[in-house]
C-alpha atoms as a PDB file:
ATOM      1  CA  UNK A   1     173.769 137.446 192.514  1.00  0.00           C
ATOM      2  CA  UNK A   2     171.620 134.644 190.883  1.00  0.00           C
ATOM      3  CA  UNK A   3     172.233 131.223 192.215  1.00  0.00           C
ATOM      4  CA  UNK A   4     170.943 128.169 190.384  1.00  0.00           C
ATOM      5  CA  UNK A   5     168.942 125.639 192.539  1.00  0.00           C
ATOM      6  CA  UNK A   6     169.904 122.442 190.757  1.00  0.00           C
ATOM      7  CA  UNK A   7     167.849 120.388 193.162  1.00  0.00           C
ATOM      8  CA  UNK A   8     164.639 122.060 192.116  1.00  0.00           C
ATOM      9  CA  UNK A   9     165.570 121.384 188.350  1.00  0.00           C
ATOM     10  CA  UNK A  10     166.186 117.783 189.266  1.00  0.00           C
ATOM     11  CA  UNK A  11     162.853 117.504 191.161  1.00  0.00           C
ATOM     12  CA  UNK A  12     160.964 119.095 188.088  1.00  0.00           C
ATOM     13  CA  UNK A  13     162.614 116.645 185.615  1.00  0.00           C
ATOM     14  CA  UNK A  14     159.339 114.674 185.092  1.00  0.00           C
ATOM     15  CA  UNK A  15     157.202 117.740 184.384  1.00  0.00           C
ATOM     16  CA  UNK A  16     159.995 119.185 182.085  1.00  0.00           C
ATOM     17  CA  UNK A  17     160.316 115.921 180.314  1.00  0.00           C
ATOM     18  CA  UNK A  18     156.557 115.737 179.714  1.00  0.00           C
ATOM     19  CA  UNK A  19     156.565 119.302 178.295  1.00  0.00           C
ATOM     20  CA  UNK A  20     159.568 118.471 176.056  1.00  0.00           C
ATOM     21  CA  UNK A  21     157.607 115.449 174.635  1.00  0.00           C
ATOM     22  CA  UNK A  22     154.647 117.683 173.762  1.00  0.00           C
ATOM     23  CA  UNK A  23     157.002 120.215 172.140  1.00  0.00           C
ATOM     24  CA  UNK A  24     158.552 117.354 170.109  1.00  0.00           C
ATOM     25  CA  UNK A  25     155.115 115.975 169.012  1.00  0.00           C
ATOM     26  CA  UNK A  26     153.933 119.359 167.903  1.00  0.00           C
ATOM     27  CA  UNK A  27     157.109 119.955 166.039  1.00  0.00           C
ATOM     28  CA  UNK A  28     157.227 116.662 164.265  1.00  0.00           C
ATOM     29  CA  UNK A  29     153.575 116.819 163.280  1.00  0.00           C
ATOM     30  CA  UNK A  30     154.043 120.381 162.046  1.00  0.00           C
ATOM     31  CA  UNK A  31     156.946 119.371 159.872  1.00  0.00           C
ATOM     32  CA  UNK A  32     155.497 116.216 158.464  1.00  0.00           C
ATOM     33  CA  UNK A  33     152.093 117.627 157.715  1.00  0.00           C
ATOM     34  CA  UNK A  34     153.519 121.074 156.606  1.00  0.00           C
ATOM     35  CA  UNK A  35     155.860 119.460 154.045  1.00  0.00           C
ATOM     36  CA  UNK A  36     153.138 117.150 152.814  1.00  0.00           C
ATOM     37  CA  UNK A  37     150.603 119.876 152.281  1.00  0.00           C
ATOM     38  CA  UNK A  38     153.208 122.361 151.273  1.00  0.00           C
ATOM     39  CA  UNK A  39     154.396 120.067 148.468  1.00  0.00           C
ATOM     40  CA  UNK A  40     150.839 119.682 147.266  1.00  0.00           C
ATOM     41  CA  UNK A  41     150.414 123.488 147.284  1.00  0.00           C
ATOM     42  CA  UNK A  42     153.723 123.994 145.414  1.00  0.00           C
ATOM     43  CA  UNK A  43     152.612 121.583 142.659  1.00  0.00           C
ATOM     44  CA  UNK A  44     149.285 123.409 142.469  1.00  0.00           C
ATOM     45  CA  UNK A  45     151.200 126.706 142.223  1.00  0.00           C
ATOM     46  CA  UNK A  46     153.321 125.630 139.193  1.00  0.00           C
ATOM     47  CA  UNK A  47     150.961 123.559 137.089  1.00  0.00           C
ATOM     48  CA  UNK A  48     149.294 125.154 134.219  1.00  0.00           C
ATOM     49  CA  UNK A  49     145.782 125.115 135.778  1.00  0.00           C
ATOM     50  CA  UNK A  50     144.452 128.607 136.778  1.00  0.00           C
ATOM     51  CA  UNK A  51     142.141 127.382 139.379  1.00  0.00           C
ATOM     52  CA  UNK A  52     144.850 125.371 141.195  1.00  0.00           C
ATOM     53  CA  UNK A  53     147.241 128.286 140.862  1.00  0.00           C
ATOM     54  CA  UNK A  54     144.685 130.724 142.359  1.00  0.00           C
ATOM     55  CA  UNK A  55     143.894 128.307 145.236  1.00  0.00           C
ATOM     56  CA  UNK A  56     147.683 127.905 145.976  1.00  0.00           C
ATOM     57  CA  UNK A  57     148.268 131.725 146.000  1.00  0.00           C
ATOM     58  CA  UNK A  58     145.213 132.343 148.181  1.00  0.00           C
ATOM     59  CA  UNK A  59     146.215 129.782 150.669  1.00  0.00           C
ATOM     60  CA  UNK A  60     149.713 130.979 151.017  1.00  0.00           C
ATOM     61  CA  UNK A  61     148.821 134.561 151.086  1.00  0.00           C
ATOM     62  CA  UNK A  62     146.062 133.999 153.807  1.00  0.00           C
ATOM     63  CA  UNK A  63     148.225 131.911 156.141  1.00  0.00           C
ATOM     64  CA  UNK A  64     151.422 133.911 155.829  1.00  0.00           C
ATOM     65  CA  UNK A  65     149.591 136.963 156.698  1.00  0.00           C
ATOM     66  CA  UNK A  66     148.142 135.715 159.872  1.00  0.00           C
ATOM     67  CA  UNK A  67     150.183 135.932 163.128  1.00  0.00           C
ATOM     68  CA  UNK A  68     150.888 132.437 164.584  1.00  0.00           C
ATOM     69  CA  UNK A  69     149.499 133.455 167.990  1.00  0.00           C
ATOM     70  CA  UNK A  70     146.253 134.529 166.512  1.00  0.00           C
ATOM     71  CA  UNK A  71     145.984 131.344 164.452  1.00  0.00           C
ATOM     72  CA  UNK A  72     146.437 129.294 167.580  1.00  0.00           C
ATOM     73  CA  UNK A  73     143.758 131.247 169.395  1.00  0.00           C
ATOM     74  CA  UNK A  74     141.353 130.901 166.532  1.00  0.00           C
ATOM     75  CA  UNK A  75     141.754 127.161 166.307  1.00  0.00           C
ATOM     76  CA  UNK A  76     141.518 126.793 170.108  1.00  0.00           C
ATOM     77  CA  UNK A  77     138.612 129.237 170.833  1.00  0.00           C
ATOM     78  CA  UNK A  78     136.694 129.210 167.649  1.00  0.00           C
ATOM     79  CA  UNK A  79     136.819 125.754 166.005  1.00  0.00           C
ATOM     80  CA  UNK A  80     137.469 123.104 168.796  1.00  0.00           C
ATOM     81  CA  UNK A  81     133.985 121.521 168.078  1.00  0.00           C
ATOM     82  CA  UNK A  82     134.729 121.454 164.397  1.00  0.00           C
ATOM     83  CA  UNK A  83     138.050 119.728 164.948  1.00  0.00           C
ATOM     84  CA  UNK A  84     136.245 117.274 167.251  1.00  0.00           C
ATOM     85  CA  UNK A  85     133.656 116.333 164.641  1.00  0.00           C
ATOM     86  CA  UNK A  86     136.144 116.229 161.649  1.00  0.00           C
ATOM     87  CA  UNK A  87     138.588 114.068 163.406  1.00  0.00           C
ATOM     88  CA  UNK A  88     136.049 112.141 165.516  1.00  0.00           C
ATOM     89  CA  UNK A  89     137.996 112.849 168.816  1.00  0.00           C
ATOM     90  CA  UNK A  90     137.185 111.312 171.972  1.00  0.00           C
ATOM     91  CA  UNK A  91     136.518 113.432 175.094  1.00  0.00           C
ATOM     92  CA  UNK A  92     139.791 112.327 176.475  1.00  0.00           C
ATOM     93  CA  UNK A  93     141.873 113.958 173.585  1.00  0.00           C
ATOM     94  CA  UNK A  94     143.473 117.197 174.737  1.00  0.00           C
ATOM     95  CA  UNK A  95     141.912 119.635 172.183  1.00  0.00           C
ATOM     96  CA  UNK A  96     144.703 122.180 173.037  1.00  0.00           C
ATOM     97  CA  UNK A  97     147.302 119.701 171.538  1.00  0.00           C
ATOM     98  CA  UNK A  98     145.273 118.917 168.467  1.00  0.00           C
ATOM     99  CA  UNK A  99     144.501 122.635 167.909  1.00  0.00           C
ATOM    100  CA  UNK A 100     148.268 123.415 168.142  1.00  0.00           C
ATOM    101  CA  UNK A 101     149.091 120.676 165.760  1.00  0.00           C
ATOM    102  CA  UNK A 102     146.515 121.651 163.171  1.00  0.00           C
ATOM    103  CA  UNK A 103     147.364 125.301 163.373  1.00  0.00           C
ATOM    104  CA  UNK A 104     151.027 124.799 163.102  1.00  0.00           C
ATOM    105  CA  UNK A 105     150.619 122.320 160.133  1.00  0.00           C
ATOM    106  CA  UNK A 106     148.400 124.730 158.205  1.00  0.00           C
ATOM    107  CA  UNK A 107     150.668 127.634 158.762  1.00  0.00           C
ATOM    108  CA  UNK A 108     153.942 125.853 158.006  1.00  0.00           C
ATOM    109  CA  UNK A 109     152.397 124.394 154.903  1.00  0.00           C
ATOM    110  CA  UNK A 110     152.280 127.889 153.417  1.00  0.00           C
ATOM    111  CA  UNK A 111     155.998 128.474 154.066  1.00  0.00           C
ATOM    112  CA  UNK A 112     157.065 125.077 152.923  1.00  0.00           C
ATOM    113  CA  UNK A 113     154.985 125.604 149.741  1.00  0.00           C
ATOM    114  CA  UNK A 114     156.958 128.716 148.869  1.00  0.00           C
ATOM    115  CA  UNK A 115     160.236 127.010 149.650  1.00  0.00           C
ATOM    116  CA  UNK A 116     159.466 123.948 147.500  1.00  0.00           C
ATOM    117  CA  UNK A 117     157.872 126.110 144.724  1.00  0.00           C
ATOM    118  CA  UNK A 118     161.101 128.129 144.602  1.00  0.00           C
ATOM    119  CA  UNK A 119     163.088 124.844 144.212  1.00  0.00           C
ATOM    120  CA  UNK A 120     160.835 123.672 141.410  1.00  0.00           C
ATOM    121  CA  UNK A 121     161.128 127.053 139.503  1.00  0.00           C
ATOM    122  CA  UNK A 122     164.868 126.935 139.884  1.00  0.00           C
ATOM    123  CA  UNK A 123     165.222 123.821 137.946  1.00  0.00           C
ATOM    124  CA  UNK A 124     166.059 123.833 134.157  1.00  0.00           C
ATOM    125  CA  UNK A 125     162.987 123.811 132.113  1.00  0.00           C
ATOM    126  CA  UNK A 126     164.331 120.968 130.165  1.00  0.00           C
ATOM    127  CA  UNK A 127     163.966 118.646 133.222  1.00  0.00           C
ATOM    128  CA  UNK A 128     160.178 118.496 132.861  1.00  0.00           C
ATOM    129  CA  UNK A 129     160.388 118.332 129.093  1.00  0.00           C
ATOM    130  CA  UNK A 130     162.622 115.420 129.288  1.00  0.00           C
ATOM    131  CA  UNK A 131     160.308 113.590 131.547  1.00  0.00           C
ATOM    132  CA  UNK A 132     157.482 114.224 129.149  1.00  0.00           C
ATOM    133  CA  UNK A 133     159.590 113.002 126.296  1.00  0.00           C
ATOM    134  CA  UNK A 134     160.171 109.726 128.143  1.00  0.00           C
ATOM    135  CA  UNK A 135     156.336 109.148 128.293  1.00  0.00           C
ATOM    136  CA  UNK A 136     155.804 110.171 131.901  1.00  0.00           C
ATOM    137  CA  UNK A 137     152.594 111.672 132.985  1.00  0.00           C
ATOM    138  CA  UNK A 138     152.618 115.140 134.815  1.00  0.00           C
ATOM    139  CA  UNK A 139     152.248 113.289 138.111  1.00  0.00           C
ATOM    140  CA  UNK A 140     155.044 110.858 137.366  1.00  0.00           C
ATOM    141  CA  UNK A 141     157.364 113.654 136.273  1.00  0.00           C
ATOM    142  CA  UNK A 142     156.785 115.569 139.495  1.00  0.00           C
ATOM    143  CA  UNK A 143     157.237 112.455 141.626  1.00  0.00           C
ATOM    144  CA  UNK A 144     160.325 110.918 140.000  1.00  0.00           C
ATOM    145  CA  UNK A 145     162.051 113.840 138.393  1.00  0.00           C
ATOM    146  CA  UNK A 146     160.987 117.292 139.553  1.00  0.00           C
ATOM    147  CA  UNK A 147     160.195 117.016 143.254  1.00  0.00           C
ATOM    148  CA  UNK A 148     163.375 114.994 144.163  1.00  0.00           C
ATOM    149  CA  UNK A 149     165.623 117.566 142.643  1.00  0.00           C
ATOM    150  CA  UNK A 150     163.676 120.424 144.166  1.00  0.00           C
ATOM    151  CA  UNK A 151     163.856 118.902 147.589  1.00  0.00           C
ATOM    152  CA  UNK A 152     167.632 118.330 147.196  1.00  0.00           C
ATOM    153  CA  UNK A 153     168.177 121.950 146.107  1.00  0.00           C
ATOM    154  CA  UNK A 154     166.125 123.397 148.954  1.00  0.00           C
ATOM    155  CA  UNK A 155     167.080 121.036 151.699  1.00  0.00           C
ATOM    156  CA  UNK A 156     169.215 123.402 153.787  1.00  0.00           C
ATOM    157  CA  UNK A 157     166.346 125.986 153.707  1.00  0.00           C
ATOM    158  CA  UNK A 158     163.755 123.156 154.604  1.00  0.00           C
ATOM    159  CA  UNK A 159     165.855 122.175 157.508  1.00  0.00           C
ATOM    160  CA  UNK A 160     166.307 125.756 158.688  1.00  0.00           C
ATOM    161  CA  UNK A 161     162.529 126.177 158.530  1.00  0.00           C
ATOM    162  CA  UNK A 162     162.196 123.034 160.756  1.00  0.00           C
ATOM    163  CA  UNK A 163     164.404 124.775 163.348  1.00  0.00           C
ATOM    164  CA  UNK A 164     162.031 127.783 163.205  1.00  0.00           C
ATOM    165  CA  UNK A 165     159.155 125.534 163.823  1.00  0.00           C
ATOM    166  CA  UNK A 166     160.820 124.207 166.834  1.00  0.00           C
ATOM    167  CA  UNK A 167     161.442 127.629 168.292  1.00  0.00           C
ATOM    168  CA  UNK A 168     157.946 128.824 167.493  1.00  0.00           C
ATOM    169  CA  UNK A 169     156.330 125.884 169.427  1.00  0.00           C
ATOM    170  CA  UNK A 170     156.883 127.890 172.572  1.00  0.00           C
ATOM    171  CA  UNK A 171     153.995 130.124 171.529  1.00  0.00           C
ATOM    172  CA  UNK A 172     151.544 127.447 172.501  1.00  0.00           C
ATOM    173  CA  UNK A 173     151.587 128.899 175.900  1.00  0.00           C
ATOM    174  CA  UNK A 174     148.711 131.233 174.737  1.00  0.00           C
ATOM    175  CA  UNK A 175     146.367 128.214 174.728  1.00  0.00           C
ATOM    176  CA  UNK A 176     147.718 126.913 178.123  1.00  0.00           C
ATOM    177  CA  UNK A 177     149.225 123.780 176.400  1.00  0.00           C
ATOM    178  CA  UNK A 178     151.975 122.357 178.749  1.00  0.00           C
ATOM    179  CA  UNK A 179     154.954 122.342 176.441  1.00  0.00           C
ATOM    180  CA  UNK A 180     158.543 122.515 177.676  1.00  0.00           C
ATOM    181  CA  UNK A 181     158.594 126.262 177.865  1.00  0.00           C
ATOM    182  CA  UNK A 182     155.179 126.575 179.486  1.00  0.00           C
ATOM    183  CA  UNK A 183     155.974 123.845 182.063  1.00  0.00           C
ATOM    184  CA  UNK A 184     159.385 125.694 182.964  1.00  0.00           C
ATOM    185  CA  UNK A 185     157.561 128.914 183.585  1.00  0.00           C
ATOM    186  CA  UNK A 186     154.904 127.181 185.742  1.00  0.00           C
ATOM    187  CA  UNK A 187     157.523 125.580 187.779  1.00  0.00           C
ATOM    188  CA  UNK A 188     159.397 128.812 188.242  1.00  0.00           C
ATOM    189  CA  UNK A 189     156.143 130.590 189.289  1.00  0.00           C
ATOM    190  CA  UNK A 190     155.311 127.883 191.766  1.00  0.00           C
ATOM    191  CA  UNK A 191     158.749 127.641 193.336  1.00  0.00           C
ATOM    192  CA  UNK A 192     159.731 131.355 193.042  1.00  0.00           C
ATOM    193  CA  UNK A 193     162.452 130.681 190.487  1.00  0.00           C
ATOM    194  CA  UNK A 194     161.036 132.145 187.423  1.00  0.00           C
ATOM    195  CA  UNK A 195     164.384 133.762 186.341  1.00  0.00           C
ATOM    196  CA  UNK A 196     166.269 130.469 186.843  1.00  0.00           C
ATOM    197  CA  UNK A 197     163.803 128.460 184.901  1.00  0.00           C
ATOM    198  CA  UNK A 198     163.603 130.997 182.014  1.00  0.00           C
ATOM    199  CA  UNK A 199     167.449 130.980 181.804  1.00  0.00           C
ATOM    200  CA  UNK A 200     167.416 127.204 181.929  1.00  0.00           C
ATOM    201  CA  UNK A 201     164.628 126.979 179.266  1.00  0.00           C
ATOM    202  CA  UNK A 202     166.524 129.488 177.063  1.00  0.00           C
ATOM    203  CA  UNK A 203     169.856 127.431 177.427  1.00  0.00           C
ATOM    204  CA  UNK A 204     168.021 124.289 176.358  1.00  0.00           C
ATOM    205  CA  UNK A 205     166.536 125.903 173.281  1.00  0.00           C
ATOM    206  CA  UNK A 206     169.977 127.509 172.476  1.00  0.00           C
ATOM    207  CA  UNK A 207     171.800 124.260 172.668  1.00  0.00           C
ATOM    208  CA  UNK A 208     169.303 122.380 170.547  1.00  0.00           C
ATOM    209  CA  UNK A 209     169.106 125.112 167.933  1.00  0.00           C
ATOM    210  CA  UNK A 210     172.834 125.496 167.686  1.00  0.00           C
ATOM    211  CA  UNK A 211     173.197 121.798 167.316  1.00  0.00           C
ATOM    212  CA  UNK A 212     170.593 121.699 164.496  1.00  0.00           C
ATOM    213  CA  UNK A 213     172.112 124.609 162.853  1.00  0.00           C
ATOM    214  CA  UNK A 214     175.384 122.899 162.750  1.00  0.00           C
ATOM    215  CA  UNK A 215     173.857 119.904 161.178  1.00  0.00           C
ATOM    216  CA  UNK A 216     172.347 122.220 158.514  1.00  0.00           C
ATOM    217  CA  UNK A 217     175.714 123.628 157.712  1.00  0.00           C
ATOM    218  CA  UNK A 218     177.073 120.150 157.411  1.00  0.00           C
ATOM    219  CA  UNK A 219     174.249 119.166 154.983  1.00  0.00           C
ATOM    220  CA  UNK A 220     175.147 122.322 152.878  1.00  0.00           C
ATOM    221  CA  UNK A 221     178.720 121.304 152.839  1.00  0.00           C
ATOM    222  CA  UNK A 222     177.910 117.735 151.673  1.00  0.00           C
ATOM    223  CA  UNK A 223     175.675 119.149 148.931  1.00  0.00           C
ATOM    224  CA  UNK A 224     178.343 121.459 147.564  1.00  0.00           C
ATOM    225  CA  UNK A 225     180.866 118.575 147.550  1.00  0.00           C
ATOM    226  CA  UNK A 226     178.394 116.185 145.723  1.00  0.00           C
END
């Protein structure tokens, strides 16, 4: 019968907390940058400019067809020097963390772009025409009229995608980044409590995801009542 050694969990709290902080940083950066770039891609996909339409389609198709694990390995093994030169990173910066953040951000931008594009296309055509009749430019129409309504309509799906990002961060173990899951496994291997640490990590992810899912349902209920 499996018995939990709570003393070993308590002793490893600092390492687990450090890993949790890395998981949180990767998640938040992926969400923020993914939404920002995804919004730009969504606008490029719906404006009447063929070159921008083609670019948005190519980007979304490319990144949605690449497995996340492969993308993480590419950024870590193939382009670390490119990242260092672009972002002017000092030697003290963990290239694994930067690689994970960039890979997640670029991948999630493709998913957020499709979500936001669907929200824009789901709006009545008259919304944009009304904005233009008020003398707004295309940029002003998107900023003040179109995008706020699209975000409101797709907010539950956007929040659900954020939960998926949090779950997917555990895949950074392939580049040896010490996130919460990776640190839990390492502690288990060191102390001979792999099963215990895997169950504990799974429980933590489950509690967080269930809590966040409940929040998403609450948002959906509020939107329906509004």
